[in-house]
Amino acid sequence: GPPPPDAPQLVLRDDAGDPERAARAVEELVSTHRAIAIVGPLDG
């Protein structure tokens, strides 16, 4: 089920280990979802 309305929202993006996809994911999380911060990616 969905999280409570006042719960923090976690928005995920899959970069598949691709640097270009990771950079695009940052842009989407900021411009579309207005994320205040981002966690990841995992590879260098």
PDB file of all heavy atoms in Angstrom:
ATOM      1  N   GLY A   1       0.807  -1.211   0.000  1.00  0.00           N
ATOM      2  CA  GLY A   1       0.000   0.000   0.000  1.00  0.00           C
ATOM      3  C   GLY A   1       0.843   1.265   0.000  1.00  0.00           C
ATOM      4  O   GLY A   1       2.063   1.229   0.168  1.00  0.00           O
ATOM      5  N   PRO A   2       0.185   2.411  -0.186  1.00  0.00           N
ATOM      6  CA  PRO A   2       0.898   3.692  -0.238  1.00  0.00           C
ATOM      7  C   PRO A   2       1.333   4.146   1.148  1.00  0.00           C
ATOM      8  O   PRO A   2       0.754   3.739   2.158  1.00  0.00           O
ATOM      9  CB  PRO A   2      -0.159   4.641  -0.823  1.00  0.00           C
ATOM     10  CG  PRO A   2      -1.463   4.060  -0.368  1.00  0.00           C
ATOM     11  CD  PRO A   2      -1.268   2.566  -0.382  1.00  0.00           C
ATOM     12  N   PRO A   3       2.381   4.989   1.207  1.00  0.00           N
ATOM     13  CA  PRO A   3       2.809   5.522   2.501  1.00  0.00           C
ATOM     14  C   PRO A   3       1.810   6.551   3.016  1.00  0.00           C
ATOM     15  O   PRO A   3       0.999   7.084   2.249  1.00  0.00           O
ATOM     16  CB  PRO A   3       4.157   6.178   2.180  1.00  0.00           C
ATOM     17  CG  PRO A   3       4.062   6.533   0.730  1.00  0.00           C
ATOM     18  CD  PRO A   3       3.222   5.458   0.102  1.00  0.00           C
ATOM     19  N   PRO A   4       1.838   6.869   4.304  1.00  0.00           N
ATOM     20  CA  PRO A   4       0.951   7.905   4.853  1.00  0.00           C
ATOM     21  C   PRO A   4       1.216   9.250   4.173  1.00  0.00           C
ATOM     22  O   PRO A   4       2.327   9.497   3.689  1.00  0.00           O
ATOM     23  CB  PRO A   4       1.330   7.944   6.337  1.00  0.00           C
ATOM     24  CG  PRO A   4       1.993   6.632   6.600  1.00  0.00           C
ATOM     25  CD  PRO A   4       2.657   6.231   5.334  1.00  0.00           C
ATOM     26  N   PRO A   5       0.217  10.131   4.131  1.00  0.00           N
ATOM     27  CA  PRO A   5       0.374  11.418   3.431  1.00  0.00           C
ATOM     28  C   PRO A   5       1.521  12.273   3.955  1.00  0.00           C
ATOM     29  O   PRO A   5       2.153  12.999   3.190  1.00  0.00           O
ATOM     30  CB  PRO A   5      -0.978  12.108   3.663  1.00  0.00           C
ATOM     31  CG  PRO A   5      -1.928  11.002   3.969  1.00  0.00           C
ATOM     32  CD  PRO A   5      -1.134   9.949   4.670  1.00  0.00           C
ATOM     33  N   ASP A   6       1.795  12.203   5.256  1.00  0.00           N
ATOM     34  CA  ASP A   6       2.835  13.046   5.831  1.00  0.00           C
ATOM     35  C   ASP A   6       4.195  12.355   5.876  1.00  0.00           C
ATOM     36  O   ASP A   6       5.156  12.902   6.419  1.00  0.00           O
ATOM     37  CB  ASP A   6       2.442  13.478   7.245  1.00  0.00           C
ATOM     38  CG  ASP A   6       2.188  12.269   8.154  1.00  0.00           C
ATOM     39  OD1 ASP A   6       2.032  11.156   7.619  1.00  0.00           O
ATOM     40  OD2 ASP A   6       2.146  12.463   9.384  1.00  0.00           O
ATOM     41  N   ALA A   7       4.303  11.149   5.312  1.00  0.00           N
ATOM     42  CA  ALA A   7       5.568  10.410   5.335  1.00  0.00           C
ATOM     43  C   ALA A   7       6.528  10.992   4.299  1.00  0.00           C
ATOM     44  O   ALA A   7       6.105  11.544   3.277  1.00  0.00           O
ATOM     45  CB  ALA A   7       5.314   8.935   5.036  1.00  0.00           C
ATOM     46  N   PRO A   8       7.839  10.880   4.539  1.00  0.00           N
ATOM     47  CA  PRO A   8       8.802  11.315   3.514  1.00  0.00           C
ATOM     48  C   PRO A   8       8.642  10.477   2.251  1.00  0.00           C
ATOM     49  O   PRO A   8       8.327   9.283   2.320  1.00  0.00           O
ATOM     50  CB  PRO A   8      10.160  11.078   4.171  1.00  0.00           C
ATOM     51  CG  PRO A   8       9.905  10.080   5.247  1.00  0.00           C
ATOM     52  CD  PRO A   8       8.509  10.333   5.730  1.00  0.00           C
ATOM     53  N   GLN A   9       8.839  11.118   1.114  1.00  0.00           N
ATOM     54  CA  GLN A   9       8.638  10.441  -0.166  1.00  0.00           C
ATOM     55  C   GLN A   9       9.992  10.037  -0.753  1.00  0.00           C
ATOM     56  O   GLN A   9      10.879  10.876  -0.906  1.00  0.00           O
ATOM     57  CB  GLN A   9       7.908  11.357  -1.141  1.00  0.00           C
ATOM     58  CG  GLN A   9       6.507  11.736  -0.700  1.00  0.00           C
ATOM     59  CD  GLN A   9       5.839  12.665  -1.692  1.00  0.00           C
ATOM     60  OE1 GLN A   9       6.188  12.687  -2.870  1.00  0.00           O
ATOM     61  NE2 GLN A   9       4.880  13.447  -1.224  1.00  0.00           N
ATOM     62  N   LEU A  10      10.124   8.780  -1.066  1.00  0.00           N
ATOM     63  CA  LEU A  10      11.318   8.256  -1.711  1.00  0.00           C
ATOM     64  C   LEU A  10      11.008   8.053  -3.194  1.00  0.00           C
ATOM     65  O   LEU A  10      10.113   7.285  -3.536  1.00  0.00           O
ATOM     66  CB  LEU A  10      11.737   6.934  -1.065  1.00  0.00           C
ATOM     67  CG  LEU A  10      12.881   6.177  -1.735  1.00  0.00           C
ATOM     68  CD1 LEU A  10      14.168   6.978  -1.684  1.00  0.00           C
ATOM     69  CD2 LEU A  10      13.064   4.805  -1.074  1.00  0.00           C
ATOM     70  N   VAL A  11      11.733   8.756  -4.072  1.00  0.00           N
ATOM     71  CA  VAL A  11      11.532   8.631  -5.517  1.00  0.00           C
ATOM     72  C   VAL A  11      12.777   7.979  -6.103  1.00  0.00           C
ATOM     73  O   VAL A  11      13.883   8.506  -5.979  1.00  0.00           O
ATOM     74  CB  VAL A  11      11.287  10.003  -6.169  1.00  0.00           C
ATOM     75  CG1 VAL A  11      11.059   9.828  -7.676  1.00  0.00           C
ATOM     76  CG2 VAL A  11      10.096  10.694  -5.525  1.00  0.00           C
ATOM     77  N   LEU A  12      12.600   6.838  -6.744  1.00  0.00           N
ATOM     78  CA  LEU A  12      13.715   6.037  -7.254  1.00  0.00           C
ATOM     79  C   LEU A  12      13.916   6.229  -8.742  1.00  0.00           C
ATOM     80  O   LEU A  12      12.952   6.382  -9.499  1.00  0.00           O
ATOM     81  CB  LEU A  12      13.458   4.558  -6.983  1.00  0.00           C
ATOM     82  CG  LEU A  12      13.385   4.124  -5.518  1.00  0.00           C
ATOM     83  CD1 LEU A  12      12.858   2.708  -5.427  1.00  0.00           C
ATOM     84  CD2 LEU A  12      14.758   4.232  -4.879  1.00  0.00           C
ATOM     85  N   ARG A  13      15.192   6.177  -9.156  1.00  0.00           N
ATOM     86  CA  ARG A  13      15.538   6.144 -10.574  1.00  0.00           C
ATOM     87  C   ARG A  13      16.648   5.120 -10.773  1.00  0.00           C
ATOM     88  O   ARG A  13      17.590   5.047  -9.997  1.00  0.00           O
ATOM     89  CB  ARG A  13      15.992   7.527 -11.067  1.00  0.00           C
ATOM     90  CG  ARG A  13      14.845   8.511 -11.246  1.00  0.00           C
ATOM     91  CD  ARG A  13      13.887   8.029 -12.320  1.00  0.00           C
ATOM     92  NE  ARG A  13      12.699   8.868 -12.462  1.00  0.00           N
ATOM     93  CZ  ARG A  13      11.559   8.677 -11.830  1.00  0.00           C
ATOM     94  NH1 ARG A  13      11.436   7.674 -10.968  1.00  0.00           N
ATOM     95  NH2 ARG A  13      10.528   9.464 -12.024  1.00  0.00           N
ATOM     96  N   ASP A  14      16.510   4.336 -11.836  1.00  0.00           N
ATOM     97  CA  ASP A  14      17.474   3.279 -12.164  1.00  0.00           C
ATOM     98  C   ASP A  14      18.493   3.836 -13.155  1.00  0.00           C
ATOM     99  O   ASP A  14      18.133   4.272 -14.250  1.00  0.00           O
ATOM    100  CB  ASP A  14      16.725   2.091 -12.774  1.00  0.00           C
ATOM    101  CG  ASP A  14      17.662   0.988 -13.259  1.00  0.00           C
ATOM    102  OD1 ASP A  14      18.839   0.978 -12.838  1.00  0.00           O
ATOM    103  OD2 ASP A  14      17.212   0.151 -14.063  1.00  0.00           O
ATOM    104  N   ASP A  15      19.780   3.821 -12.780  1.00  0.00           N
ATOM    105  CA  ASP A  15      20.801   4.281 -13.723  1.00  0.00           C
ATOM    106  C   ASP A  15      21.463   3.124 -14.464  1.00  0.00           C
ATOM    107  O   ASP A  15      22.225   3.354 -15.405  1.00  0.00           O
ATOM    108  CB  ASP A  15      21.864   5.128 -13.015  1.00  0.00           C
ATOM    109  CG  ASP A  15      22.707   4.331 -12.033  1.00  0.00           C
ATOM    110  OD1 ASP A  15      22.441   3.128 -11.850  1.00  0.00           O
ATOM    111  OD2 ASP A  15      23.635   4.905 -11.441  1.00  0.00           O
ATOM    112  N   ALA A  16      21.195   1.878 -14.041  1.00  0.00           N
ATOM    113  CA  ALA A  16      21.756   0.686 -14.693  1.00  0.00           C
ATOM    114  C   ALA A  16      23.271   0.761 -14.814  1.00  0.00           C
ATOM    115  O   ALA A  16      23.855   0.154 -15.705  1.00  0.00           O
ATOM    116  CB  ALA A  16      21.122   0.483 -16.070  1.00  0.00           C
ATOM    117  N   GLY A  17      23.915   1.526 -13.931  1.00  0.00           N
ATOM    118  CA  GLY A  17      25.368   1.671 -13.999  1.00  0.00           C
ATOM    119  C   GLY A  17      25.845   2.527 -15.150  1.00  0.00           C
ATOM    120  O   GLY A  17      27.028   2.499 -15.499  1.00  0.00           O
ATOM    121  N   ASP A  18      24.972   3.329 -15.742  1.00  0.00           N
ATOM    122  CA  ASP A  18      25.300   4.163 -16.903  1.00  0.00           C
ATOM    123  C   ASP A  18      25.433   5.618 -16.450  1.00  0.00           C
ATOM    124  O   ASP A  18      24.461   6.209 -15.965  1.00  0.00           O
ATOM    125  CB  ASP A  18      24.188   4.034 -17.941  1.00  0.00           C
ATOM    126  CG  ASP A  18      24.442   4.881 -19.180  1.00  0.00           C
ATOM    127  OD1 ASP A  18      25.416   5.653 -19.197  1.00  0.00           O
ATOM    128  OD2 ASP A  18      23.653   4.774 -20.136  1.00  0.00           O
ATOM    129  N   PRO A  19      26.623   6.237 -16.595  1.00  0.00           N
ATOM    130  CA  PRO A  19      26.807   7.620 -16.139  1.00  0.00           C
ATOM    131  C   PRO A  19      25.836   8.609 -16.775  1.00  0.00           C
ATOM    132  O   PRO A  19      25.358   9.527 -16.097  1.00  0.00           O
ATOM    133  CB  PRO A  19      28.254   7.927 -16.530  1.00  0.00           C
ATOM    134  CG  PRO A  19      28.931   6.593 -16.544  1.00  0.00           C
ATOM    135  CD  PRO A  19      27.887   5.638 -17.054  1.00  0.00           C
ATOM    136  N   GLU A  20      25.545   8.444 -18.061  1.00  0.00           N
ATOM    137  CA  GLU A  20      24.620   9.381 -18.715  1.00  0.00           C
ATOM    138  C   GLU A  20      23.221   9.265 -18.111  1.00  0.00           C
ATOM    139  O   GLU A  20      22.548  10.283 -17.874  1.00  0.00           O
ATOM    140  CB  GLU A  20      24.584   9.114 -20.223  1.00  0.00           C
ATOM    141  CG  GLU A  20      25.867   9.485 -20.951  1.00  0.00           C
ATOM    142  CD  GLU A  20      25.734   9.337 -22.445  1.00  0.00           C
ATOM    143  OE1 GLU A  20      24.598   9.072 -22.917  1.00  0.00           O
ATOM    144  OE2 GLU A  20      26.748   9.474 -23.146  1.00  0.00           O
ATOM    145  N   ARG A  21      22.794   8.042 -17.871  1.00  0.00           N
ATOM    146  CA  ARG A  21      21.479   7.854 -17.242  1.00  0.00           C
ATOM    147  C   ARG A  21      21.461   8.429 -15.826  1.00  0.00           C
ATOM    148  O   ARG A  21      20.455   8.979 -15.369  1.00  0.00           O
ATOM    149  CB  ARG A  21      21.113   6.376 -17.222  1.00  0.00           C
ATOM    150  CG  ARG A  21      20.692   5.826 -18.568  1.00  0.00           C
ATOM    151  CD  ARG A  21      20.264   4.377 -18.498  1.00  0.00           C
ATOM    152  NE  ARG A  21      19.103   4.158 -17.634  1.00  0.00           N
ATOM    153  CZ  ARG A  21      18.454   3.003 -17.544  1.00  0.00           C
ATOM    154  NH1 ARG A  21      18.876   1.963 -18.270  1.00  0.00           N
ATOM    155  NH2 ARG A  21      17.416   2.867 -16.763  1.00  0.00           N
ATOM    156  N   ALA A  22      22.580   8.319 -15.131  1.00  0.00           N
ATOM    157  CA  ALA A  22      22.655   8.867 -13.777  1.00  0.00           C
ATOM    158  C   ALA A  22      22.505  10.387 -13.797  1.00  0.00           C
ATOM    159  O   ALA A  22      21.789  10.964 -12.969  1.00  0.00           O
ATOM    160  CB  ALA A  22      23.977   8.471 -13.127  1.00  0.00           C
ATOM    161  N   ALA A  23      23.186  11.045 -14.755  1.00  0.00           N
ATOM    162  CA  ALA A  23      23.084  12.505 -14.846  1.00  0.00           C
ATOM    163  C   ALA A  23      21.659  12.928 -15.201  1.00  0.00           C
ATOM    164  O   ALA A  23      21.124  13.898 -14.642  1.00  0.00           O
ATOM    165  CB  ALA A  23      24.079  13.032 -15.879  1.00  0.00           C
ATOM    166  N   ARG A  24      21.030  12.193 -16.130  1.00  0.00           N
ATOM    167  CA  ARG A  24      19.644  12.514 -16.491  1.00  0.00           C
ATOM    168  C   ARG A  24      18.701  12.282 -15.317  1.00  0.00           C
ATOM    169  O   ARG A  24      17.723  13.009 -15.127  1.00  0.00           O
ATOM    170  CB  ARG A  24      19.205  11.682 -17.700  1.00  0.00           C
ATOM    171  CG  ARG A  24      19.871  12.077 -19.003  1.00  0.00           C
ATOM    172  CD  ARG A  24      19.107  11.504 -20.194  1.00  0.00           C
ATOM    173  NE  ARG A  24      19.018  10.063 -20.156  1.00  0.00           N
ATOM    174  CZ  ARG A  24      19.898   9.234 -20.701  1.00  0.00           C
ATOM    175  NH1 ARG A  24      20.963   9.728 -21.321  1.00  0.00           N
ATOM    176  NH2 ARG A  24      19.727   7.921 -20.639  1.00  0.00           N
ATOM    177  N   ALA A  25      19.003  11.266 -14.529  1.00  0.00           N
ATOM    178  CA  ALA A  25      18.159  10.981 -13.368  1.00  0.00           C
ATOM    179  C   ALA A  25      18.212  12.122 -12.364  1.00  0.00           C
ATOM    180  O   ALA A  25      17.195  12.479 -11.760  1.00  0.00           O
ATOM    181  CB  ALA A  25      18.610   9.675 -12.710  1.00  0.00           C
ATOM    182  N   VAL A  26      19.387  12.717 -12.174  1.00  0.00           N
ATOM    183  CA  VAL A  26      19.495  13.875 -11.283  1.00  0.00           C
ATOM    184  C   VAL A  26      18.571  14.985 -11.770  1.00  0.00           C
ATOM    185  O   VAL A  26      17.803  15.571 -10.996  1.00  0.00           O
ATOM    186  CB  VAL A  26      20.957  14.374 -11.223  1.00  0.00           C
ATOM    187  CG1 VAL A  26      21.024  15.715 -10.491  1.00  0.00           C
ATOM    188  CG2 VAL A  26      21.851  13.359 -10.539  1.00  0.00           C
ATOM    189  N   GLU A  27      18.629  15.265 -13.059  1.00  0.00           N
ATOM    190  CA  GLU A  27      17.805  16.338 -13.616  1.00  0.00           C
ATOM    191  C   GLU A  27      16.317  16.048 -13.426  1.00  0.00           C
ATOM    192  O   GLU A  27      15.540  16.940 -13.043  1.00  0.00           O
ATOM    193  CB  GLU A  27      18.121  16.513 -15.100  1.00  0.00           C
ATOM    194  CG  GLU A  27      17.326  17.617 -15.752  1.00  0.00           C
ATOM    195  CD  GLU A  27      17.781  17.858 -17.183  1.00  0.00           C
ATOM    196  OE1 GLU A  27      18.982  17.700 -17.463  1.00  0.00           O
ATOM    197  OE2 GLU A  27      16.930  18.209 -18.006  1.00  0.00           O
ATOM    198  N   GLU A  28      15.916  14.814 -13.675  1.00  0.00           N
ATOM    199  CA  GLU A  28      14.499  14.477 -13.543  1.00  0.00           C
ATOM    200  C   GLU A  28      14.035  14.562 -12.094  1.00  0.00           C
ATOM    201  O   GLU A  28      12.948  15.068 -11.801  1.00  0.00           O
ATOM    202  CB  GLU A  28      14.242  13.076 -14.094  1.00  0.00           C
ATOM    203  CG  GLU A  28      12.772  12.692 -14.073  1.00  0.00           C
ATOM    204  CD  GLU A  28      12.516  11.327 -14.673  1.00  0.00           C
ATOM    205  OE1 GLU A  28      13.449  10.755 -15.279  1.00  0.00           O
ATOM    206  OE2 GLU A  28      11.395  10.824 -14.515  1.00  0.00           O
ATOM    207  N   LEU A  29      14.854  14.079 -11.177  1.00  0.00           N
ATOM    208  CA  LEU A  29      14.473  14.123  -9.766  1.00  0.00           C
ATOM    209  C   LEU A  29      14.334  15.556  -9.267  1.00  0.00           C
ATOM    210  O   LEU A  29      13.496  15.859  -8.418  1.00  0.00           O
ATOM    211  CB  LEU A  29      15.511  13.375  -8.924  1.00  0.00           C
ATOM    212  CG  LEU A  29      15.512  11.847  -9.085  1.00  0.00           C
ATOM    213  CD1 LEU A  29      16.741  11.239  -8.432  1.00  0.00           C
ATOM    214  CD2 LEU A  29      14.239  11.240  -8.512  1.00  0.00           C
ATOM    215  N   VAL A  30      15.158  16.457  -9.823  1.00  0.00           N
ATOM    216  CA  VAL A  30      15.108  17.852  -9.399  1.00  0.00           C
ATOM    217  C   VAL A  30      13.972  18.603 -10.086  1.00  0.00           C
ATOM    218  O   VAL A  30      13.190  19.313  -9.443  1.00  0.00           O
ATOM    219  CB  VAL A  30      16.460  18.540  -9.681  1.00  0.00           C
ATOM    220  CG1 VAL A  30      16.362  20.039  -9.442  1.00  0.00           C
ATOM    221  CG2 VAL A  30      17.542  17.948  -8.805  1.00  0.00           C
ATOM    222  N   SER A  31      13.871  18.452 -11.410  1.00  0.00           N
ATOM    223  CA  SER A  31      12.926  19.281 -12.164  1.00  0.00           C
ATOM    224  C   SER A  31      11.498  18.751 -12.139  1.00  0.00           C
ATOM    225  O   SER A  31      10.544  19.523 -12.144  1.00  0.00           O
ATOM    226  CB  SER A  31      13.391  19.393 -13.622  1.00  0.00           C
ATOM    227  OG  SER A  31      13.385  18.127 -14.257  1.00  0.00           O
ATOM    228  N   THR A  32      11.335  17.443 -12.102  1.00  0.00           N
ATOM    229  CA  THR A  32       9.995  16.859 -12.116  1.00  0.00           C
ATOM    230  C   THR A  32       9.465  16.597 -10.708  1.00  0.00           C
ATOM    231  O   THR A  32       8.311  16.912 -10.408  1.00  0.00           O
ATOM    232  CB  THR A  32       9.990  15.548 -12.923  1.00  0.00           C
ATOM    233  OG1 THR A  32      10.438  15.820 -14.254  1.00  0.00           O
ATOM    234  CG2 THR A  32       8.590  14.955 -12.980  1.00  0.00           C
ATOM    235  N   HIS A  33      10.331  16.059  -9.861  1.00  0.00           N
ATOM    236  CA  HIS A  33       9.871  15.646  -8.532  1.00  0.00           C
ATOM    237  C   HIS A  33      10.274  16.622  -7.436  1.00  0.00           C
ATOM    238  O   HIS A  33       9.880  16.438  -6.287  1.00  0.00           O
ATOM    239  CB  HIS A  33      10.389  14.244  -8.225  1.00  0.00           C
ATOM    240  CG  HIS A  33       9.928  13.213  -9.207  1.00  0.00           C
ATOM    241  ND1 HIS A  33       8.659  12.679  -9.190  1.00  0.00           N
ATOM    242  CD2 HIS A  33      10.559  12.652 -10.276  1.00  0.00           C
ATOM    243  CE1 HIS A  33       8.535  11.808 -10.179  1.00  0.00           C
ATOM    244  NE2 HIS A  33       9.665  11.776 -10.857  1.00  0.00           N
ATOM    245  N   ARG A  34      11.092  17.618  -7.762  1.00  0.00           N
ATOM    246  CA  ARG A  34      11.485  18.671  -6.827  1.00  0.00           C
ATOM    247  C   ARG A  34      12.165  18.113  -5.587  1.00  0.00           C
ATOM    248  O   ARG A  34      11.958  18.585  -4.476  1.00  0.00           O
ATOM    249  CB  ARG A  34      10.271  19.525  -6.451  1.00  0.00           C
ATOM    250  CG  ARG A  34       9.616  20.221  -7.630  1.00  0.00           C
ATOM    251  CD  ARG A  34       8.271  20.810  -7.257  1.00  0.00           C
ATOM    252  NE  ARG A  34       8.402  21.750  -6.153  1.00  0.00           N
ATOM    253  CZ  ARG A  34       7.403  22.096  -5.336  1.00  0.00           C
ATOM    254  NH1 ARG A  34       6.202  21.563  -5.513  1.00  0.00           N
ATOM    255  NH2 ARG A  34       7.593  22.940  -4.361  1.00  0.00           N
ATOM    256  N   ALA A  35      12.986  17.068  -5.770  1.00  0.00           N
ATOM    257  CA  ALA A  35      13.682  16.448  -4.639  1.00  0.00           C
ATOM    258  C   ALA A  35      14.583  17.461  -3.943  1.00  0.00           C
ATOM    259  O   ALA A  35      15.271  18.251  -4.592  1.00  0.00           O
ATOM    260  CB  ALA A  35      14.515  15.266  -5.124  1.00  0.00           C
ATOM    261  N   ILE A  36      14.595  17.405  -2.630  1.00  0.00           N
ATOM    262  CA  ILE A  36      15.431  18.331  -1.862  1.00  0.00           C
ATOM    263  C   ILE A  36      16.862  17.820  -1.752  1.00  0.00           C
ATOM    264  O   ILE A  36      17.799  18.584  -1.511  1.00  0.00           O
ATOM    265  CB  ILE A  36      14.840  18.578  -0.469  1.00  0.00           C
ATOM    266  CG1 ILE A  36      15.451  19.854   0.136  1.00  0.00           C
ATOM    267  CG2 ILE A  36      15.023  17.370   0.451  1.00  0.00           C
ATOM    268  CD1 ILE A  36      14.702  20.388   1.319  1.00  0.00           C
ATOM    269  N   ALA A  37      17.065  16.518  -1.966  1.00  0.00           N
ATOM    270  CA  ALA A  37      18.394  15.914  -1.962  1.00  0.00           C
ATOM    271  C   ALA A  37      18.298  14.566  -2.652  1.00  0.00           C
ATOM    272  O   ALA A  37      17.200  14.030  -2.859  1.00  0.00           O
ATOM    273  CB  ALA A  37      18.936  15.759  -0.544  1.00  0.00           C
ATOM    274  N   ILE A  38      19.454  14.009  -3.002  1.00  0.00           N
ATOM    275  CA  ILE A  38      19.497  12.736  -3.729  1.00  0.00           C
ATOM    276  C   ILE A  38      20.531  11.832  -3.072  1.00  0.00           C
ATOM    277  O   ILE A  38      21.621  12.283  -2.693  1.00  0.00           O
ATOM    278  CB  ILE A  38      19.846  12.957  -5.213  1.00  0.00           C
ATOM    279  CG1 ILE A  38      18.780  13.832  -5.890  1.00  0.00           C
ATOM    280  CG2 ILE A  38      19.988  11.631  -5.952  1.00  0.00           C
ATOM    281  CD1 ILE A  38      19.136  14.245  -7.305  1.00  0.00           C
ATOM    282  N   VAL A  39      20.215  10.538  -2.985  1.00  0.00           N
ATOM    283  CA  VAL A  39      21.128   9.522  -2.488  1.00  0.00           C
ATOM    284  C   VAL A  39      21.572   8.652  -3.662  1.00  0.00           C
ATOM    285  O   VAL A  39      20.737   8.221  -4.469  1.00  0.00           O
ATOM    286  CB  VAL A  39      20.453   8.649  -1.418  1.00  0.00           C
ATOM    287  CG1 VAL A  39      21.389   7.528  -0.972  1.00  0.00           C
ATOM    288  CG2 VAL A  39      20.032   9.499  -0.225  1.00  0.00           C
ATOM    289  N   GLY A  40      22.892   8.350  -3.746  1.00  0.00           N
ATOM    290  CA  GLY A  40      23.435   7.543  -4.836  1.00  0.00           C
ATOM    291  C   GLY A  40      24.145   8.434  -5.840  1.00  0.00           C
ATOM    292  O   GLY A  40      24.246   9.640  -5.629  1.00  0.00           O
ATOM    293  N   PRO A  41      24.636   7.818  -6.921  1.00  0.00           N
ATOM    294  CA  PRO A  41      24.665   6.404  -7.302  1.00  0.00           C
ATOM    295  C   PRO A  41      25.707   5.595  -6.513  1.00  0.00           C
ATOM    296  O   PRO A  41      26.345   6.113  -5.610  1.00  0.00           O
ATOM    297  CB  PRO A  41      25.020   6.450  -8.788  1.00  0.00           C
ATOM    298  CG  PRO A  41      24.805   7.855  -9.230  1.00  0.00           C
ATOM    299  CD  PRO A  41      25.078   8.691  -8.017  1.00  0.00           C
ATOM    300  N   LEU A  42      25.896   4.324  -6.975  1.00  0.00           N
ATOM    301  CA  LEU A  42      26.774   3.404  -6.256  1.00  0.00           C
ATOM    302  C   LEU A  42      28.127   3.199  -6.923  1.00  0.00           C
ATOM    303  O   LEU A  42      29.100   2.896  -6.229  1.00  0.00           O
ATOM    304  CB  LEU A  42      26.098   2.032  -6.101  1.00  0.00           C
ATOM    305  CG  LEU A  42      24.737   2.000  -5.394  1.00  0.00           C
ATOM    306  CD1 LEU A  42      24.291   0.561  -5.182  1.00  0.00           C
ATOM    307  CD2 LEU A  42      24.791   2.733  -4.070  1.00  0.00           C
ATOM    308  N   ASP A  43      28.215   3.286  -8.250  1.00  0.00           N
ATOM    309  CA  ASP A  43      29.506   3.045  -8.906  1.00  0.00           C
ATOM    310  C   ASP A  43      30.197   4.367  -9.222  1.00  0.00           C
ATOM    311  O   ASP A  43      29.564   5.422  -9.343  1.00  0.00           O
ATOM    312  CB  ASP A  43      29.332   2.212 -10.178  1.00  0.00           C
ATOM    313  CG  ASP A  43      28.730   3.024 -11.310  1.00  0.00           C
ATOM    314  OD1 ASP A  43      27.512   3.271 -11.262  1.00  0.00           O
ATOM    315  OD2 ASP A  43      29.470   3.426 -12.214  1.00  0.00           O
ATOM    316  N   GLY A  44      31.530   4.303  -9.372  1.00  0.00           N
ATOM    317  CA  GLY A  44      32.328   5.505  -9.509  1.00  0.00           C
ATOM    318  C   GLY A  44      31.980   6.414 -10.672  1.00  0.00           C
ATOM    319  O   GLY A  44      31.683   7.601 -10.466  1.00  0.00           O
TER     320      GLY A  44
END
